N, C-alpha and C. Protein backbone atom coordinates (compact mmCIF):
# COMPACT_ATOMS: atom_id res chain seq x y z
N MET A 1 47.04 66.54 -167.14
CA MET A 1 46.62 67.37 -166.05
C MET A 1 45.77 66.55 -165.10
N SER A 2 45.91 66.80 -163.84
CA SER A 2 45.11 66.11 -162.83
C SER A 2 44.30 67.13 -162.03
N ILE A 3 43.17 66.68 -161.55
CA ILE A 3 42.32 67.51 -160.70
C ILE A 3 41.87 66.63 -159.53
N GLN A 4 41.85 67.20 -158.35
CA GLN A 4 41.43 66.46 -157.16
C GLN A 4 40.02 66.91 -156.78
N ILE A 5 39.12 65.93 -156.66
CA ILE A 5 37.73 66.21 -156.31
C ILE A 5 37.38 65.38 -155.09
N ASN A 6 37.06 66.05 -154.00
CA ASN A 6 36.74 65.39 -152.73
C ASN A 6 37.80 64.37 -152.33
N GLY A 7 39.07 64.74 -152.53
CA GLY A 7 40.19 63.92 -152.09
C GLY A 7 40.63 62.84 -153.06
N LYS A 8 39.91 62.64 -154.16
CA LYS A 8 40.27 61.62 -155.14
C LYS A 8 40.84 62.29 -156.39
N MET A 9 41.96 61.76 -156.89
CA MET A 9 42.61 62.32 -158.08
C MET A 9 41.98 61.77 -159.35
N TYR A 10 41.77 62.66 -160.33
CA TYR A 10 41.26 62.29 -161.64
C TYR A 10 42.21 62.86 -162.70
N ASP A 11 42.52 62.07 -163.72
CA ASP A 11 43.31 62.57 -164.84
C ASP A 11 42.35 63.15 -165.87
N VAL A 12 42.78 64.24 -166.51
CA VAL A 12 42.01 64.85 -167.58
C VAL A 12 42.79 64.62 -168.86
N PRO A 13 42.38 63.62 -169.66
CA PRO A 13 43.13 63.29 -170.87
C PRO A 13 43.18 64.45 -171.86
N GLY A 14 44.33 64.61 -172.50
CA GLY A 14 44.46 65.62 -173.53
C GLY A 14 44.67 67.03 -173.04
N VAL A 15 44.76 67.21 -171.72
CA VAL A 15 44.98 68.55 -171.15
C VAL A 15 46.28 68.52 -170.39
N SER A 16 47.24 69.34 -170.84
CA SER A 16 48.54 69.32 -170.19
C SER A 16 48.59 70.24 -168.97
N GLY A 17 47.61 71.10 -168.84
CA GLY A 17 47.54 72.00 -167.68
C GLY A 17 46.33 72.88 -167.80
N ILE A 18 45.71 73.21 -166.69
CA ILE A 18 44.54 74.07 -166.75
C ILE A 18 44.94 75.49 -167.14
N SER A 19 46.09 75.93 -166.72
CA SER A 19 46.51 77.30 -166.95
C SER A 19 46.46 77.66 -168.43
N GLY A 20 45.63 78.64 -168.76
CA GLY A 20 45.54 79.15 -170.11
C GLY A 20 44.64 78.36 -171.04
N THR A 21 44.31 77.11 -170.73
CA THR A 21 43.50 76.31 -171.64
C THR A 21 42.32 75.65 -170.97
N GLY A 22 42.27 75.62 -169.67
CA GLY A 22 41.24 74.86 -168.98
C GLY A 22 40.06 75.69 -168.56
N ASN A 23 38.87 75.15 -168.79
CA ASN A 23 37.64 75.76 -168.34
C ASN A 23 36.97 74.79 -167.39
N VAL A 24 36.75 75.21 -166.17
CA VAL A 24 36.15 74.36 -165.15
C VAL A 24 34.69 74.78 -164.99
N VAL A 25 33.77 73.82 -165.17
CA VAL A 25 32.35 74.07 -164.99
C VAL A 25 31.85 73.14 -163.90
N ILE A 26 31.17 73.72 -162.91
CA ILE A 26 30.58 72.95 -161.81
C ILE A 26 29.08 73.20 -161.89
N ASN A 27 28.33 72.14 -162.24
CA ASN A 27 26.90 72.33 -162.49
C ASN A 27 26.13 71.12 -161.99
N GLY A 28 25.28 71.33 -161.00
CA GLY A 28 24.41 70.27 -160.51
C GLY A 28 25.13 69.01 -160.07
N GLY A 29 26.29 69.15 -159.45
CA GLY A 29 27.02 68.00 -158.97
C GLY A 29 27.89 67.33 -160.02
N THR A 30 28.04 67.97 -161.18
CA THR A 30 28.90 67.45 -162.25
C THR A 30 30.07 68.39 -162.46
N ILE A 31 31.27 67.84 -162.54
CA ILE A 31 32.49 68.62 -162.78
C ILE A 31 32.94 68.34 -164.21
N THR A 32 33.10 69.42 -165.00
CA THR A 32 33.53 69.32 -166.38
C THR A 32 34.77 70.19 -166.58
N VAL A 33 35.78 69.66 -167.26
CA VAL A 33 36.98 70.43 -167.61
C VAL A 33 37.15 70.36 -169.12
N ASN A 34 37.17 71.52 -169.76
CA ASN A 34 37.31 71.59 -171.23
C ASN A 34 36.31 70.69 -171.95
N GLY A 35 35.08 70.66 -171.46
CA GLY A 35 34.03 69.89 -172.10
C GLY A 35 34.02 68.41 -171.76
N GLN A 36 34.98 67.94 -170.99
CA GLN A 36 35.04 66.53 -170.59
C GLN A 36 34.46 66.38 -169.19
N THR A 37 33.45 65.53 -169.04
CA THR A 37 32.89 65.27 -167.72
C THR A 37 33.88 64.42 -166.94
N ILE A 38 34.28 64.94 -165.79
CA ILE A 38 35.25 64.24 -164.95
C ILE A 38 34.53 63.36 -163.94
N VAL A 39 33.49 63.90 -163.32
CA VAL A 39 32.70 63.14 -162.35
C VAL A 39 31.32 63.81 -162.25
N GLY A 40 30.30 63.01 -161.96
CA GLY A 40 28.95 63.53 -161.83
C GLY A 40 28.27 62.97 -160.59
N ASP A 41 27.04 63.38 -160.36
CA ASP A 41 26.21 62.90 -159.24
C ASP A 41 26.81 63.21 -157.87
N LEU A 42 27.55 64.30 -157.75
CA LEU A 42 28.09 64.68 -156.45
C LEU A 42 27.02 65.40 -155.64
N GLU A 43 27.03 65.19 -154.35
CA GLU A 43 26.08 65.84 -153.46
C GLU A 43 26.81 66.52 -152.32
N GLY A 44 26.17 67.51 -151.73
CA GLY A 44 26.77 68.22 -150.60
C GLY A 44 27.94 69.08 -151.03
N GLU A 45 28.82 69.36 -150.09
CA GLU A 45 29.99 70.19 -150.37
C GLU A 45 30.98 69.43 -151.26
N VAL A 46 31.43 70.09 -152.30
CA VAL A 46 32.40 69.51 -153.23
C VAL A 46 33.68 70.34 -153.13
N ILE A 47 34.79 69.65 -152.89
CA ILE A 47 36.08 70.33 -152.76
C ILE A 47 36.94 69.94 -153.96
N ILE A 48 37.39 70.96 -154.71
CA ILE A 48 38.18 70.73 -155.91
C ILE A 48 39.52 71.43 -155.75
N LYS A 49 40.59 70.74 -156.13
CA LYS A 49 41.94 71.33 -156.08
C LYS A 49 42.66 71.01 -157.39
N TRP A 50 43.45 71.97 -157.86
CA TRP A 50 44.32 71.76 -159.00
C TRP A 50 45.51 72.68 -158.88
N GLU A 51 46.54 72.38 -159.65
CA GLU A 51 47.75 73.20 -159.61
C GLU A 51 47.62 74.33 -160.62
N GLY A 52 48.04 75.54 -160.24
CA GLY A 52 48.02 76.68 -161.15
C GLY A 52 46.65 77.32 -161.24
N PRO A 53 46.57 78.42 -161.97
CA PRO A 53 45.30 79.13 -162.10
C PRO A 53 44.38 78.43 -163.11
N ALA A 54 43.09 78.59 -162.94
CA ALA A 54 42.12 78.08 -163.91
C ALA A 54 41.92 79.14 -164.98
N ALA A 55 41.55 78.70 -166.17
CA ALA A 55 41.32 79.66 -167.26
C ALA A 55 40.01 80.40 -167.04
N ASN A 56 38.92 79.68 -166.81
CA ASN A 56 37.60 80.28 -166.58
C ASN A 56 36.86 79.42 -165.58
N ILE A 57 35.98 80.05 -164.81
CA ILE A 57 35.15 79.33 -163.84
C ILE A 57 33.69 79.70 -164.09
N LYS A 58 32.82 78.69 -164.14
CA LYS A 58 31.38 78.91 -164.26
C LYS A 58 30.70 77.96 -163.29
N CYS A 59 29.95 78.51 -162.31
CA CYS A 59 29.37 77.62 -161.30
C CYS A 59 28.35 78.35 -160.43
N THR A 60 27.77 77.58 -159.52
CA THR A 60 26.90 78.09 -158.47
C THR A 60 27.46 77.59 -157.15
N THR A 61 27.65 78.48 -156.20
CA THR A 61 28.15 78.21 -154.86
C THR A 61 29.56 77.61 -154.89
N LEU A 62 30.54 78.48 -154.66
CA LEU A 62 31.93 78.08 -154.73
C LEU A 62 32.76 78.93 -153.79
N THR A 63 33.73 78.31 -153.13
CA THR A 63 34.79 79.02 -152.43
C THR A 63 36.09 78.60 -153.09
N LEU A 64 36.82 79.57 -153.63
CA LEU A 64 38.04 79.28 -154.38
C LEU A 64 39.21 80.02 -153.76
N ASP A 65 40.26 79.29 -153.48
CA ASP A 65 41.51 79.86 -152.98
C ASP A 65 42.54 79.73 -154.09
N GLY A 66 42.61 80.75 -154.93
CA GLY A 66 43.52 80.72 -156.06
C GLY A 66 43.09 81.72 -157.11
N ASP A 67 43.86 81.78 -158.19
CA ASP A 67 43.61 82.75 -159.25
C ASP A 67 42.84 82.12 -160.41
N VAL A 68 42.14 82.99 -161.14
CA VAL A 68 41.45 82.60 -162.36
C VAL A 68 42.00 83.51 -163.46
N GLU A 69 42.56 82.93 -164.52
CA GLU A 69 43.15 83.74 -165.57
C GLU A 69 42.10 84.43 -166.43
N GLY A 70 40.94 83.82 -166.60
CA GLY A 70 39.91 84.37 -167.48
C GLY A 70 38.74 84.93 -166.71
N ASP A 71 37.54 84.56 -167.15
CA ASP A 71 36.30 85.12 -166.61
C ASP A 71 35.70 84.24 -165.52
N VAL A 72 34.88 84.87 -164.68
CA VAL A 72 34.08 84.16 -163.68
C VAL A 72 32.63 84.52 -163.91
N LYS A 73 31.79 83.50 -164.14
CA LYS A 73 30.35 83.67 -164.27
C LYS A 73 29.74 82.77 -163.21
N ALA A 74 29.16 83.36 -162.18
CA ALA A 74 28.78 82.52 -161.04
C ALA A 74 27.74 83.18 -160.15
N THR A 75 27.24 82.37 -159.21
CA THR A 75 26.32 82.81 -158.16
C THR A 75 26.83 82.25 -156.84
N ASN A 76 26.82 83.07 -155.79
CA ASN A 76 27.24 82.65 -154.45
C ASN A 76 28.68 82.15 -154.43
N VAL A 77 29.61 83.04 -154.77
CA VAL A 77 31.01 82.66 -154.91
C VAL A 77 31.91 83.59 -154.11
N THR A 78 32.91 83.01 -153.45
CA THR A 78 33.97 83.75 -152.78
C THR A 78 35.29 83.30 -153.38
N ILE A 79 36.09 84.26 -153.85
CA ILE A 79 37.39 83.95 -154.44
C ILE A 79 38.46 84.72 -153.67
N ASP A 80 39.42 83.98 -153.15
CA ASP A 80 40.58 84.58 -152.49
C ASP A 80 41.74 84.49 -153.48
N GLY A 81 41.76 85.45 -154.40
CA GLY A 81 42.76 85.46 -155.45
C GLY A 81 42.37 86.48 -156.50
N ASP A 82 43.14 86.55 -157.57
CA ASP A 82 42.91 87.51 -158.64
C ASP A 82 42.13 86.85 -159.78
N VAL A 83 41.39 87.68 -160.52
CA VAL A 83 40.67 87.24 -161.71
C VAL A 83 41.17 88.08 -162.88
N GLY A 84 41.64 87.42 -163.92
CA GLY A 84 42.22 88.14 -165.05
C GLY A 84 41.20 88.76 -165.98
N GLY A 85 39.99 88.23 -166.02
CA GLY A 85 38.97 88.70 -166.94
C GLY A 85 37.83 89.41 -166.23
N ASP A 86 36.63 89.22 -166.77
CA ASP A 86 35.43 89.85 -166.22
C ASP A 86 34.80 88.98 -165.15
N VAL A 87 34.05 89.62 -164.26
CA VAL A 87 33.29 88.94 -163.22
C VAL A 87 31.83 89.31 -163.39
N LYS A 88 30.98 88.30 -163.58
CA LYS A 88 29.54 88.53 -163.77
C LYS A 88 28.76 87.56 -162.92
N GLY A 89 27.73 88.05 -162.25
CA GLY A 89 26.90 87.15 -161.46
C GLY A 89 26.24 87.82 -160.29
N THR A 90 25.89 87.01 -159.30
CA THR A 90 25.16 87.45 -158.13
C THR A 90 25.86 86.92 -156.87
N ASN A 91 25.95 87.77 -155.86
CA ASN A 91 26.56 87.40 -154.57
C ASN A 91 27.99 86.88 -154.74
N ILE A 92 28.84 87.73 -155.29
CA ILE A 92 30.24 87.37 -155.53
C ILE A 92 31.14 88.28 -154.71
N THR A 93 32.09 87.69 -154.00
CA THR A 93 33.11 88.45 -153.26
C THR A 93 34.47 88.00 -153.74
N ILE A 94 35.30 88.97 -154.13
CA ILE A 94 36.66 88.67 -154.59
C ILE A 94 37.63 89.44 -153.73
N ASP A 95 38.50 88.71 -153.05
CA ASP A 95 39.56 89.32 -152.27
C ASP A 95 40.83 89.32 -153.11
N GLY A 96 40.84 90.21 -154.08
CA GLY A 96 41.96 90.32 -155.01
C GLY A 96 41.59 91.30 -156.10
N ASP A 97 42.42 91.38 -157.11
CA ASP A 97 42.21 92.29 -158.22
C ASP A 97 41.52 91.57 -159.37
N ILE A 98 40.81 92.35 -160.21
CA ILE A 98 40.26 91.78 -161.43
C ILE A 98 40.77 92.60 -162.61
N GLY A 99 41.04 91.92 -163.70
CA GLY A 99 41.58 92.57 -164.89
C GLY A 99 40.52 93.21 -165.75
N GLY A 100 39.28 92.77 -165.62
CA GLY A 100 38.19 93.27 -166.44
C GLY A 100 37.17 94.03 -165.63
N ASP A 101 35.92 93.86 -166.02
CA ASP A 101 34.81 94.55 -165.38
C ASP A 101 34.11 93.65 -164.38
N ALA A 102 33.48 94.27 -163.38
CA ALA A 102 32.64 93.57 -162.41
C ALA A 102 31.20 94.01 -162.66
N ASP A 103 30.33 93.05 -162.94
CA ASP A 103 28.95 93.37 -163.27
C ASP A 103 28.03 92.34 -162.63
N GLY A 104 26.97 92.82 -162.00
CA GLY A 104 26.01 91.90 -161.41
C GLY A 104 25.36 92.49 -160.18
N ILE A 105 24.74 91.64 -159.42
CA ILE A 105 24.04 92.03 -158.20
C ILE A 105 24.85 91.56 -157.01
N ASN A 106 25.16 92.48 -156.11
CA ASN A 106 25.89 92.16 -154.90
C ASN A 106 27.29 91.61 -155.19
N VAL A 107 28.03 92.29 -156.07
CA VAL A 107 29.39 91.91 -156.42
C VAL A 107 30.34 92.84 -155.67
N THR A 108 31.23 92.25 -154.85
CA THR A 108 32.19 93.02 -154.07
C THR A 108 33.60 92.62 -154.48
N VAL A 109 34.40 93.62 -154.84
CA VAL A 109 35.80 93.38 -155.19
C VAL A 109 36.66 94.13 -154.19
N ASN A 110 37.40 93.39 -153.37
CA ASN A 110 38.30 93.99 -152.38
C ASN A 110 39.69 94.11 -152.98
N GLY A 111 39.78 94.87 -154.04
CA GLY A 111 41.02 95.08 -154.79
C GLY A 111 40.72 96.04 -155.92
N ASP A 112 41.59 96.05 -156.91
CA ASP A 112 41.43 96.95 -158.05
C ASP A 112 40.63 96.27 -159.15
N THR A 113 39.82 97.06 -159.87
CA THR A 113 39.12 96.58 -161.05
C THR A 113 39.76 97.16 -162.29
N ASN A 114 39.54 96.53 -163.42
CA ASN A 114 40.13 96.94 -164.70
C ASN A 114 41.65 97.04 -164.61
N LYS A 115 42.25 96.17 -163.83
CA LYS A 115 43.69 96.21 -163.63
C LYS A 115 44.45 95.87 -164.92
N GLY A 116 43.81 95.10 -165.80
CA GLY A 116 44.47 94.73 -167.05
C GLY A 116 44.38 95.79 -168.12
N ASN A 117 43.58 96.82 -167.89
CA ASN A 117 43.40 97.87 -168.92
C ASN A 117 44.20 99.09 -168.61
């Protein structure tokens, strides 16, 4: 599996695809996929791209154009896509459906909730 960070491609060894198995964590300028640190010490705006939906997203300050198969735990996030699991956090806007529950402060879902139930 490959992931593009700020225009540079990185291989993620041992991961054949993020879909269904990948967990992307963005924390303090460090990008981790399935527990493997891909790159660290990033500053300013970080742009990440990958093919297919991510399994889970955990981060602070993110704009995502795509789907997340699992859960989103975040602060200051905008997602233009569907979330298959639960959404928890603060200042989250989702322009799509979520399969689970939406819980937190200032969480807006411009679609259906509990779509998977």
